[in-house]
Amino acid sequence: PLLQVEDLVKHYRLPRERLLAAPPVVQALQGVSLQLQRAR
């Protein structure tokens, strides 16, 4: 395939809500896989 996306994960860390708190995490992609052939 021209394009192969395999188990793609992307997390973003947000600013801390409190000084000692762990930064919140946004799970934008959670294991996306796809294929795209040429000219499709």
PDB file of all heavy atoms in Angstrom:
ATOM      1  N   PRO A   1       0.830  -1.212   0.000  1.00  0.00           N
ATOM      2  CA  PRO A   1       0.000   0.000   0.000  1.00  0.00           C
ATOM      3  C   PRO A   1       0.861   1.257   0.000  1.00  0.00           C
ATOM      4  O   PRO A   1       1.959   1.288   0.582  1.00  0.00           O
ATOM      5  CB  PRO A   1      -0.807  -0.126   1.291  1.00  0.00           C
ATOM      6  CG  PRO A   1      -0.788  -1.585   1.626  1.00  0.00           C
ATOM      7  CD  PRO A   1       0.525  -2.093   1.132  1.00  0.00           C
ATOM      8  N   LEU A   2       0.372   2.292  -0.650  1.00  0.00           N
ATOM      9  CA  LEU A   2       1.106   3.557  -0.650  1.00  0.00           C
ATOM     10  C   LEU A   2       1.222   4.100   0.770  1.00  0.00           C
ATOM     11  O   LEU A   2       2.283   4.543   1.205  1.00  0.00           O
ATOM     12  CB  LEU A   2       0.397   4.568  -1.554  1.00  0.00           C
ATOM     13  CG  LEU A   2       0.995   5.968  -1.563  1.00  0.00           C
ATOM     14  CD1 LEU A   2       2.410   5.959  -2.110  1.00  0.00           C
ATOM     15  CD2 LEU A   2       0.104   6.922  -2.365  1.00  0.00           C
ATOM     16  N   LEU A   3       0.103   4.071   1.503  1.00  0.00           N
ATOM     17  CA  LEU A   3       0.084   4.568   2.876  1.00  0.00           C
ATOM     18  C   LEU A   3      -0.367   3.464   3.810  1.00  0.00           C
ATOM     19  O   LEU A   3      -1.385   2.815   3.571  1.00  0.00           O
ATOM     20  CB  LEU A   3      -0.865   5.763   2.998  1.00  0.00           C
ATOM     21  CG  LEU A   3      -1.079   6.316   4.412  1.00  0.00           C
ATOM     22  CD1 LEU A   3       0.199   6.961   4.939  1.00  0.00           C
ATOM     23  CD2 LEU A   3      -2.236   7.317   4.430  1.00  0.00           C
ATOM     24  N   GLN A   4       0.406   3.233   4.877  1.00  0.00           N
ATOM     25  CA  GLN A   4       0.032   2.292   5.930  1.00  0.00           C
ATOM     26  C   GLN A   4       0.139   2.996   7.277  1.00  0.00           C
ATOM     27  O   GLN A   4       1.200   3.531   7.611  1.00  0.00           O
ATOM     28  CB  GLN A   4       0.944   1.058   5.930  1.00  0.00           C
ATOM     29  CG  GLN A   4       0.812   0.159   4.717  1.00  0.00           C
ATOM     30  CD  GLN A   4       1.848  -0.940   4.729  1.00  0.00           C
ATOM     31  OE1 GLN A   4       2.972  -0.774   4.262  1.00  0.00           O
ATOM     32  NE2 GLN A   4       1.475  -2.088   5.289  1.00  0.00           N
ATOM     33  N   VAL A   5      -0.945   2.996   8.010  1.00  0.00           N
ATOM     34  CA  VAL A   5      -0.962   3.528   9.370  1.00  0.00           C
ATOM     35  C   VAL A   5      -1.161   2.351  10.299  1.00  0.00           C
ATOM     36  O   VAL A   5      -2.152   1.629  10.192  1.00  0.00           O
ATOM     37  CB  VAL A   5      -2.083   4.570   9.541  1.00  0.00           C
ATOM     38  CG1 VAL A   5      -2.215   4.987  10.998  1.00  0.00           C
ATOM     39  CG2 VAL A   5      -1.823   5.785   8.658  1.00  0.00           C
ATOM     40  N   GLU A   6      -0.211   2.138  11.205  1.00  0.00           N
ATOM     41  CA  GLU A   6      -0.224   0.946  12.044  1.00  0.00           C
ATOM     42  C   GLU A   6      -0.305   1.322  13.524  1.00  0.00           C
ATOM     43  O   GLU A   6       0.623   1.936  14.069  1.00  0.00           O
ATOM     44  CB  GLU A   6       1.038   0.106  11.797  1.00  0.00           C
ATOM     45  CG  GLU A   6       1.170  -0.398  10.362  1.00  0.00           C
ATOM     46  CD  GLU A   6       2.426  -1.217  10.148  1.00  0.00           C
ATOM     47  OE1 GLU A   6       3.297  -1.222  11.054  1.00  0.00           O
ATOM     48  OE2 GLU A   6       2.553  -1.843   9.079  1.00  0.00           O
ATOM     49  N   ASP A   7      -1.419   0.985  14.158  1.00  0.00           N
ATOM     50  CA  ASP A   7      -1.608   1.150  15.609  1.00  0.00           C
ATOM     51  C   ASP A   7      -1.175   2.532  16.088  1.00  0.00           C
ATOM     52  O   ASP A   7      -0.438   2.672  17.070  1.00  0.00           O
ATOM     53  CB  ASP A   7      -0.828   0.068  16.372  1.00  0.00           C
ATOM     54  CG  ASP A   7      -1.332  -1.325  16.041  1.00  0.00           C
ATOM     55  OD1 ASP A   7      -2.550  -1.486  15.898  1.00  0.00           O
ATOM     56  OD2 ASP A   7      -0.496  -2.248  15.905  1.00  0.00           O
ATOM     57  N   LEU A   8      -1.656   3.554  15.419  1.00  0.00           N
ATOM     58  CA  LEU A   8      -1.214   4.915  15.705  1.00  0.00           C
ATOM     59  C   LEU A   8      -1.869   5.441  16.980  1.00  0.00           C
ATOM     60  O   LEU A   8      -3.094   5.393  17.143  1.00  0.00           O
ATOM     61  CB  LEU A   8      -1.562   5.823  14.521  1.00  0.00           C
ATOM     62  CG  LEU A   8      -0.688   7.054  14.316  1.00  0.00           C
ATOM     63  CD1 LEU A   8       0.772   6.657  14.152  1.00  0.00           C
ATOM     64  CD2 LEU A   8      -1.153   7.842  13.103  1.00  0.00           C
ATOM     65  N   VAL A   9      -1.031   5.937  17.877  1.00  0.00           N
ATOM     66  CA  VAL A   9      -1.479   6.487  19.160  1.00  0.00           C
ATOM     67  C   VAL A   9      -0.892   7.886  19.303  1.00  0.00           C
ATOM     68  O   VAL A   9       0.278   8.120  18.997  1.00  0.00           O
ATOM     69  CB  VAL A   9      -1.006   5.605  20.337  1.00  0.00           C
ATOM     70  CG1 VAL A   9      -1.363   6.241  21.681  1.00  0.00           C
ATOM     71  CG2 VAL A   9      -1.601   4.204  20.218  1.00  0.00           C
ATOM     72  N   LYS A  10      -1.717   8.816  19.765  1.00  0.00           N
ATOM     73  CA  LYS A  10      -1.225  10.162  20.041  1.00  0.00           C
ATOM     74  C   LYS A  10      -1.887  10.694  21.295  1.00  0.00           C
ATOM     75  O   LYS A  10      -3.120  10.778  21.388  1.00  0.00           O
ATOM     76  CB  LYS A  10      -1.527  11.108  18.870  1.00  0.00           C
ATOM     77  CG  LYS A  10      -1.015  12.532  19.088  1.00  0.00           C
ATOM     78  CD  LYS A  10       0.506  12.579  19.239  1.00  0.00           C
ATOM     79  CE  LYS A  10       1.001  14.002  19.410  1.00  0.00           C
ATOM     80  NZ  LYS A  10       2.487  14.046  19.590  1.00  0.00           N
ATOM     81  N   HIS A  11      -1.062  11.037  22.295  1.00  0.00           N
ATOM     82  CA  HIS A  11      -1.534  11.621  23.542  1.00  0.00           C
ATOM     83  C   HIS A  11      -0.983  13.036  23.671  1.00  0.00           C
ATOM     84  O   HIS A  11       0.171  13.292  23.315  1.00  0.00           O
ATOM     85  CB  HIS A  11      -1.058  10.795  24.755  1.00  0.00           C
ATOM     86  CG  HIS A  11      -1.628   9.404  24.763  1.00  0.00           C
ATOM     87  ND1 HIS A  11      -1.106   8.397  25.545  1.00  0.00           N
ATOM     88  CD2 HIS A  11      -2.668   8.851  24.099  1.00  0.00           C
ATOM     89  CE1 HIS A  11      -1.798   7.278  25.342  1.00  0.00           C
ATOM     90  NE2 HIS A  11      -2.752   7.534  24.474  1.00  0.00           N
ATOM     91  N   TYR A  12      -1.789  13.932  24.170  1.00  0.00           N
ATOM     92  CA  TYR A  12      -1.360  15.313  24.435  1.00  0.00           C
ATOM     93  C   TYR A  12      -1.455  15.577  25.935  1.00  0.00           C
ATOM     94  O   TYR A  12      -2.474  15.266  26.565  1.00  0.00           O
ATOM     95  CB  TYR A  12      -2.252  16.313  23.698  1.00  0.00           C
ATOM     96  CG  TYR A  12      -2.129  16.274  22.197  1.00  0.00           C
ATOM     97  CD1 TYR A  12      -3.092  15.618  21.431  1.00  0.00           C
ATOM     98  CD2 TYR A  12      -1.079  16.894  21.544  1.00  0.00           C
ATOM     99  CE1 TYR A  12      -2.998  15.586  20.044  1.00  0.00           C
ATOM    100  CE2 TYR A  12      -0.975  16.873  20.161  1.00  0.00           C
ATOM    101  CZ  TYR A  12      -1.931  16.219  19.429  1.00  0.00           C
ATOM    102  OH  TYR A  12      -1.842  16.181  18.050  1.00  0.00           O
ATOM    103  N   ARG A  13      -0.413  16.160  26.483  1.00  0.00           N
ATOM    104  CA  ARG A  13      -0.436  16.566  27.892  1.00  0.00           C
ATOM    105  C   ARG A  13      -0.914  18.013  27.984  1.00  0.00           C
ATOM    106  O   ARG A  13      -0.395  18.886  27.309  1.00  0.00           O
ATOM    107  CB  ARG A  13       0.946  16.427  28.521  1.00  0.00           C
ATOM    108  CG  ARG A  13       1.398  14.978  28.666  1.00  0.00           C
ATOM    109  CD  ARG A  13       2.680  14.867  29.490  1.00  0.00           C
ATOM    110  NE  ARG A  13       3.076  13.485  29.648  1.00  0.00           N
ATOM    111  CZ  ARG A  13       2.603  12.666  30.570  1.00  0.00           C
ATOM    112  NH1 ARG A  13       1.715  13.112  31.447  1.00  0.00           N
ATOM    113  NH2 ARG A  13       3.011  11.417  30.646  1.00  0.00           N
ATOM    114  N   LEU A  14      -1.896  18.245  28.839  1.00  0.00           N
ATOM    115  CA  LEU A  14      -2.448  19.578  29.042  1.00  0.00           C
ATOM    116  C   LEU A  14      -1.756  20.254  30.228  1.00  0.00           C
ATOM    117  O   LEU A  14      -1.074  19.595  31.033  1.00  0.00           O
ATOM    118  CB  LEU A  14      -3.952  19.483  29.297  1.00  0.00           C
ATOM    119  CG  LEU A  14      -4.773  18.826  28.179  1.00  0.00           C
ATOM    120  CD1 LEU A  14      -6.247  18.825  28.566  1.00  0.00           C
ATOM    121  CD2 LEU A  14      -4.561  19.534  26.860  1.00  0.00           C
ATOM    122  N   PRO A  15      -1.898  21.569  30.362  1.00  0.00           N
ATOM    123  CA  PRO A  15      -1.315  22.260  31.521  1.00  0.00           C
ATOM    124  C   PRO A  15      -1.892  21.714  32.830  1.00  0.00           C
ATOM    125  O   PRO A  15      -3.052  21.309  32.913  1.00  0.00           O
ATOM    126  CB  PRO A  15      -1.741  23.726  31.299  1.00  0.00           C
ATOM    127  CG  PRO A  15      -1.979  23.835  29.839  1.00  0.00           C
ATOM    128  CD  PRO A  15      -2.511  22.502  29.407  1.00  0.00           C
ATOM    129  N   ARG A  16      -1.057  21.719  33.851  1.00  0.00           N
ATOM    130  CA  ARG A  16      -1.495  21.244  35.173  1.00  0.00           C
ATOM    131  C   ARG A  16      -2.609  22.131  35.718  1.00  0.00           C
ATOM    132  O   ARG A  16      -2.550  23.351  35.587  1.00  0.00           O
ATOM    133  CB  ARG A  16      -0.325  21.266  36.166  1.00  0.00           C
ATOM    134  CG  ARG A  16       0.837  20.371  35.782  1.00  0.00           C
ATOM    135  CD  ARG A  16       2.001  20.601  36.744  1.00  0.00           C
ATOM    136  NE  ARG A  16       3.187  19.872  36.328  1.00  0.00           N
ATOM    137  CZ  ARG A  16       3.482  18.640  36.720  1.00  0.00           C
ATOM    138  NH1 ARG A  16       2.680  18.023  37.557  1.00  0.00           N
ATOM    139  NH2 ARG A  16       4.582  18.056  36.291  1.00  0.00           N
ATOM    140  N   GLU A  17      -3.588  21.494  36.322  1.00  0.00           N
ATOM    141  CA  GLU A  17      -4.667  22.257  36.951  1.00  0.00           C
ATOM    142  C   GLU A  17      -4.248  22.769  38.324  1.00  0.00           C
ATOM    143  O   GLU A  17      -4.734  23.799  38.773  1.00  0.00           O
ATOM    144  CB  GLU A  17      -5.912  21.382  37.062  1.00  0.00           C
ATOM    145  CG  GLU A  17      -6.461  20.949  35.707  1.00  0.00           C
ATOM    146  CD  GLU A  17      -7.655  20.024  35.840  1.00  0.00           C
ATOM    147  OE1 GLU A  17      -7.962  19.624  36.996  1.00  0.00           O
ATOM    148  OE2 GLU A  17      -8.278  19.701  34.811  1.00  0.00           O
ATOM    149  N   ARG A  18      -3.358  22.032  39.010  1.00  0.00           N
ATOM    150  CA  ARG A  18      -2.806  22.456  40.295  1.00  0.00           C
ATOM    151  C   ARG A  18      -1.303  22.202  40.269  1.00  0.00           C
ATOM    152  O   ARG A  18      -0.810  21.381  39.494  1.00  0.00           O
ATOM    153  CB  ARG A  18      -3.457  21.691  41.458  1.00  0.00           C
ATOM    154  CG  ARG A  18      -4.964  21.928  41.574  1.00  0.00           C
ATOM    155  CD  ARG A  18      -5.535  21.256  42.819  1.00  0.00           C
ATOM    156  NE  ARG A  18      -5.233  19.823  42.837  1.00  0.00           N
ATOM    157  CZ  ARG A  18      -5.949  18.903  42.214  1.00  0.00           C
ATOM    158  NH1 ARG A  18      -7.006  19.266  41.495  1.00  0.00           N
ATOM    159  NH2 ARG A  18      -5.631  17.626  42.291  1.00  0.00           N
ATOM    160  N   LEU A  19      -0.586  22.869  41.143  1.00  0.00           N
ATOM    161  CA  LEU A  19       0.872  22.838  41.112  1.00  0.00           C
ATOM    162  C   LEU A  19       1.429  21.430  41.214  1.00  0.00           C
ATOM    163  O   LEU A  19       2.318  21.041  40.458  1.00  0.00           O
ATOM    164  CB  LEU A  19       1.429  23.708  42.247  1.00  0.00           C
ATOM    165  CG  LEU A  19       2.961  23.758  42.338  1.00  0.00           C
ATOM    166  CD1 LEU A  19       3.562  24.342  41.071  1.00  0.00           C
ATOM    167  CD2 LEU A  19       3.397  24.561  43.574  1.00  0.00           C
ATOM    168  N   LEU A  20       0.929  20.615  42.125  1.00  0.00           N
ATOM    169  CA  LEU A  20       1.483  19.286  42.361  1.00  0.00           C
ATOM    170  C   LEU A  20       0.680  18.174  41.685  1.00  0.00           C
ATOM    171  O   LEU A  20       0.995  16.997  41.861  1.00  0.00           O
ATOM    172  CB  LEU A  20       1.570  19.022  43.873  1.00  0.00           C
ATOM    173  CG  LEU A  20       2.442  19.999  44.663  1.00  0.00           C
ATOM    174  CD1 LEU A  20       2.446  19.639  46.146  1.00  0.00           C
ATOM    175  CD2 LEU A  20       3.875  20.009  44.120  1.00  0.00           C
ATOM    176  N   ALA A  21      -0.336  18.543  40.948  1.00  0.00           N
ATOM    177  CA  ALA A  21      -1.165  17.533  40.286  1.00  0.00           C
ATOM    178  C   ALA A  21      -0.492  17.041  39.010  1.00  0.00           C
ATOM    179  O   ALA A  21       0.298  17.754  38.383  1.00  0.00           O
ATOM    180  CB  ALA A  21      -2.539  18.110  39.962  1.00  0.00           C
ATOM    181  N   ALA A  22      -0.781  15.806  38.644  1.00  0.00           N
ATOM    182  CA  ALA A  22      -0.276  15.281  37.373  1.00  0.00           C
ATOM    183  C   ALA A  22      -0.981  15.987  36.217  1.00  0.00           C
ATOM    184  O   ALA A  22      -2.179  16.284  36.302  1.00  0.00           O
ATOM    185  CB  ALA A  22      -0.537  13.778  37.295  1.00  0.00           C
ATOM    186  N   PRO A  23      -0.273  16.294  35.141  1.00  0.00           N
ATOM    187  CA  PRO A  23      -0.926  16.971  34.008  1.00  0.00           C
ATOM    188  C   PRO A  23      -1.961  16.066  33.355  1.00  0.00           C
ATOM    189  O   PRO A  23      -1.708  14.870  33.155  1.00  0.00           O
ATOM    190  CB  PRO A  23       0.243  17.261  33.061  1.00  0.00           C
ATOM    191  CG  PRO A  23       1.307  16.284  33.433  1.00  0.00           C
ATOM    192  CD  PRO A  23       1.153  16.038  34.903  1.00  0.00           C
ATOM    193  N   PRO A  24      -3.133  16.592  33.041  1.00  0.00           N
ATOM    194  CA  PRO A  24      -4.131  15.765  32.361  1.00  0.00           C
ATOM    195  C   PRO A  24      -3.647  15.363  30.970  1.00  0.00           C
ATOM    196  O   PRO A  24      -2.860  16.075  30.343  1.00  0.00           O
ATOM    197  CB  PRO A  24      -5.362  16.667  32.269  1.00  0.00           C
ATOM    198  CG  PRO A  24      -5.006  17.953  32.881  1.00  0.00           C
ATOM    199  CD  PRO A  24      -3.591  17.945  33.273  1.00  0.00           C
ATOM    200  N   VAL A  25      -4.109  14.218  30.497  1.00  0.00           N
ATOM    201  CA  VAL A  25      -3.707  13.682  29.199  1.00  0.00           C
ATOM    202  C   VAL A  25      -4.942  13.501  28.322  1.00  0.00           C
ATOM    203  O   VAL A  25      -5.936  12.922  28.754  1.00  0.00           O
ATOM    204  CB  VAL A  25      -2.975  12.330  29.358  1.00  0.00           C
ATOM    205  CG1 VAL A  25      -2.661  11.721  27.994  1.00  0.00           C
ATOM    206  CG2 VAL A  25      -1.685  12.513  30.158  1.00  0.00           C
ATOM    207  N   VAL A  26      -4.861  14.022  27.098  1.00  0.00           N
ATOM    208  CA  VAL A  26      -5.911  13.825  26.102  1.00  0.00           C
ATOM    209  C   VAL A  26      -5.460  12.724  25.148  1.00  0.00           C
ATOM    210  O   VAL A  26      -4.383  12.814  24.549  1.00  0.00           O
ATOM    211  CB  VAL A  26      -6.195  15.116  25.311  1.00  0.00           C
ATOM    212  CG1 VAL A  26      -7.172  14.846  24.172  1.00  0.00           C
ATOM    213  CG2 VAL A  26      -6.741  16.192  26.226  1.00  0.00           C
ATOM    214  N   GLN A  27      -6.256  11.687  25.027  1.00  0.00           N
ATOM    215  CA  GLN A  27      -5.932  10.573  24.141  1.00  0.00           C
ATOM    216  C   GLN A  27      -6.601  10.825  22.791  1.00  0.00           C
ATOM    217  O   GLN A  27      -7.717  10.391  22.527  1.00  0.00           O
ATOM    218  CB  GLN A  27      -6.393   9.257  24.760  1.00  0.00           C
ATOM    219  CG  GLN A  27      -5.720   8.970  26.094  1.00  0.00           C
ATOM    220  CD  GLN A  27      -6.196   7.672  26.722  1.00  0.00           C
ATOM    221  OE1 GLN A  27      -7.076   7.007  26.197  1.00  0.00           O
ATOM    222  NE2 GLN A  27      -5.592   7.303  27.837  1.00  0.00           N
ATOM    223  N   ALA A  28      -5.886  11.531  21.905  1.00  0.00           N
ATOM    224  CA  ALA A  28      -6.465  11.948  20.624  1.00  0.00           C
ATOM    225  C   ALA A  28      -6.640  10.780  19.665  1.00  0.00           C
ATOM    226  O   ALA A  28      -7.637  10.696  18.953  1.00  0.00           O
ATOM    227  CB  ALA A  28      -5.591  13.027  19.987  1.00  0.00           C
ATOM    228  N   LEU A  29      -5.670   9.872  19.627  1.00  0.00           N
ATOM    229  CA  LEU A  29      -5.762   8.661  18.805  1.00  0.00           C
ATOM    230  C   LEU A  29      -5.399   7.472  19.674  1.00  0.00           C
ATOM    231  O   LEU A  29      -4.428   7.538  20.449  1.00  0.00           O
ATOM    232  CB  LEU A  29      -4.821   8.732  17.594  1.00  0.00           C
ATOM    233  CG  LEU A  29      -5.131   9.764  16.515  1.00  0.00           C
ATOM    234  CD1 LEU A  29      -4.066   9.730  15.428  1.00  0.00           C
ATOM    235  CD2 LEU A  29      -6.512   9.538  15.906  1.00  0.00           C
ATOM    236  N   GLN A  30      -6.152   6.372  19.512  1.00  0.00           N
ATOM    237  CA  GLN A  30      -5.945   5.207  20.366  1.00  0.00           C
ATOM    238  C   GLN A  30      -5.871   3.925  19.527  1.00  0.00           C
ATOM    239  O   GLN A  30      -6.770   3.096  19.549  1.00  0.00           O
ATOM    240  CB  GLN A  30      -7.086   5.093  21.385  1.00  0.00           C
ATOM    241  CG  GLN A  30      -7.268   6.328  22.247  1.00  0.00           C
ATOM    242  CD  GLN A  30      -8.344   6.135  23.286  1.00  0.00           C
ATOM    243  OE1 GLN A  30      -8.229   5.298  24.181  1.00  0.00           O
ATOM    244  NE2 GLN A  30      -9.418   6.894  23.175  1.00  0.00           N
ATOM    245  N   GLY A  31      -4.797   3.800  18.769  1.00  0.00           N
ATOM    246  CA  GLY A  31      -4.587   2.567  18.025  1.00  0.00           C
ATOM    247  C   GLY A  31      -5.279   2.527  16.672  1.00  0.00           C
ATOM    248  O   GLY A  31      -5.958   1.552  16.346  1.00  0.00           O
ATOM    249  N   VAL A  32      -5.105   3.561  15.868  1.00  0.00           N
ATOM    250  CA  VAL A  32      -5.731   3.639  14.545  1.00  0.00           C
ATOM    251  C   VAL A  32      -4.843   2.945  13.508  1.00  0.00           C
ATOM    252  O   VAL A  32      -3.644   3.200  13.428  1.00  0.00           O
ATOM    253  CB  VAL A  32      -5.965   5.104  14.130  1.00  0.00           C
ATOM    254  CG1 VAL A  32      -6.390   5.201  12.662  1.00  0.00           C
ATOM    255  CG2 VAL A  32      -7.003   5.740  15.039  1.00  0.00           C
ATOM    256  N   SER A  33      -5.443   2.067  12.718  1.00  0.00           N
ATOM    257  CA  SER A  33      -4.736   1.375  11.633  1.00  0.00           C
ATOM    258  C   SER A  33      -5.578   1.481  10.363  1.00  0.00           C
ATOM    259  O   SER A  33      -6.797   1.275  10.398  1.00  0.00           O
ATOM    260  CB  SER A  33      -4.505  -0.102  11.960  1.00  0.00           C
ATOM    261  OG  SER A  33      -3.676  -0.259  13.093  1.00  0.00           O
ATOM    262  N   LEU A  34      -4.923   1.812   9.249  1.00  0.00           N
ATOM    263  CA  LEU A  34      -5.611   1.879   7.962  1.00  0.00           C
ATOM    264  C   LEU A  34      -4.590   1.775   6.841  1.00  0.00           C
ATOM    265  O   LEU A  34      -3.389   1.919   7.064  1.00  0.00           O
ATOM    266  CB  LEU A  34      -6.437   3.165   7.847  1.00  0.00           C
ATOM    267  CG  LEU A  34      -5.740   4.513   8.085  1.00  0.00           C
ATOM    268  CD1 LEU A  34      -5.054   5.026   6.819  1.00  0.00           C
ATOM    269  CD2 LEU A  34      -6.749   5.537   8.582  1.00  0.00           C
ATOM    270  N   GLN A  35      -5.093   1.515   5.641  1.00  0.00           N
ATOM    271  CA  GLN A  35      -4.253   1.414   4.455  1.00  0.00           C
ATOM    272  C   GLN A  35      -4.906   2.178   3.316  1.00  0.00           C
ATOM    273  O   GLN A  35      -6.128   2.285   3.235  1.00  0.00           O
ATOM    274  CB  GLN A  35      -4.057  -0.046   4.035  1.00  0.00           C
ATOM    275  CG  GLN A  35      -3.278  -0.897   5.023  1.00  0.00           C
ATOM    276  CD  GLN A  35      -3.021  -2.304   4.500  1.00  0.00           C
ATOM    277  OE1 GLN A  35      -3.532  -2.682   3.438  1.00  0.00           O
ATOM    278  NE2 GLN A  35      -2.247  -3.076   5.228  1.00  0.00           N
ATOM    279  N   LEU A  36      -4.055   2.695   2.422  1.00  0.00           N
ATOM    280  CA  LEU A  36      -4.540   3.402   1.246  1.00  0.00           C
ATOM    281  C   LEU A  36      -3.663   3.009   0.059  1.00  0.00           C
ATOM    282  O   LEU A  36      -2.445   3.202   0.090  1.00  0.00           O
ATOM    283  CB  LEU A  36      -4.495   4.915   1.466  1.00  0.00           C
ATOM    284  CG  LEU A  36      -4.921   5.805   0.302  1.00  0.00           C
ATOM    285  CD1 LEU A  36      -6.342   5.481  -0.137  1.00  0.00           C
ATOM    286  CD2 LEU A  36      -4.796   7.278   0.687  1.00  0.00           C
ATOM    287  N   GLN A  37      -4.290   2.450  -0.957  1.00  0.00           N
ATOM    288  CA  GLN A  37      -3.566   2.044  -2.163  1.00  0.00           C
ATOM    289  C   GLN A  37      -3.368   3.236  -3.092  1.00  0.00           C
ATOM    290  O   GLN A  37      -4.058   4.252  -2.998  1.00  0.00           O
ATOM    291  CB  GLN A  37      -4.338   0.938  -2.896  1.00  0.00           C
ATOM    292  CG  GLN A  37      -4.560  -0.331  -2.092  1.00  0.00           C
ATOM    293  CD  GLN A  37      -3.293  -1.152  -1.898  1.00  0.00           C
ATOM    294  OE1 GLN A  37      -2.278  -0.906  -2.555  1.00  0.00           O
ATOM    295  NE2 GLN A  37      -3.350  -2.145  -1.017  1.00  0.00           N
ATOM    296  N   ARG A  38      -2.446   3.090  -4.009  1.00  0.00           N
ATOM    297  CA  ARG A  38      -2.197   4.129  -5.006  1.00  0.00           C
ATOM    298  C   ARG A  38      -3.461   4.398  -5.826  1.00  0.00           C
ATOM    299  O   ARG A  38      -4.193   3.487  -6.172  1.00  0.00           O
ATOM    300  CB  ARG A  38      -1.054   3.717  -5.940  1.00  0.00           C
ATOM    301  CG  ARG A  38       0.320   3.755  -5.271  1.00  0.00           C
ATOM    302  CD  ARG A  38       1.377   3.092  -6.109  1.00  0.00           C
ATOM    303  NE  ARG A  38       2.715   3.293  -5.553  1.00  0.00           N
ATOM    304  CZ  ARG A  38       3.221   2.607  -4.547  1.00  0.00           C
ATOM    305  NH1 ARG A  38       2.503   1.651  -3.980  1.00  0.00           N
ATOM    306  NH2 ARG A  38       4.429   2.858  -4.105  1.00  0.00           N
ATOM    307  N   ALA A  39      -3.681   5.674  -6.132  1.00  0.00           N
ATOM    308  CA  ALA A  39      -4.781   6.130  -6.981  1.00  0.00           C
ATOM    309  C   ALA A  39      -6.164   5.861  -6.378  1.00  0.00           C
ATOM    310  O   ALA A  39      -7.162   5.922  -7.074  1.00  0.00           O
ATOM    311  CB  ALA A  39      -4.696   5.507  -8.372  1.00  0.00           C
ATOM    312  N   ARG A  40      -6.232   5.595  -5.078  1.00  0.00           N
ATOM    313  CA  ARG A  40      -7.512   5.369  -4.396  1.00  0.00           C
ATOM    314  C   ARG A  40      -7.769   6.517  -3.415  1.00  0.00           C
ATOM    315  O   ARG A  40      -6.870   7.298  -3.088  1.00  0.00           O
ATOM    316  CB  ARG A  40      -7.501   4.039  -3.654  1.00  0.00           C
ATOM    317  CG  ARG A  40      -7.222   2.839  -4.526  1.00  0.00           C
ATOM    318  CD  ARG A  40      -8.401   2.481  -5.397  1.00  0.00           C
ATOM    319  NE  ARG A  40      -9.480   1.895  -4.605  1.00  0.00           N
ATOM    320  CZ  ARG A  40     -10.673   1.564  -5.119  1.00  0.00           C
ATOM    321  NH1 ARG A  40     -10.925   1.780  -6.388  1.00  0.00           N
ATOM    322  NH2 ARG A  40     -11.597   1.011  -4.353  1.00  0.00           N
TER     323      ARG A  40
END
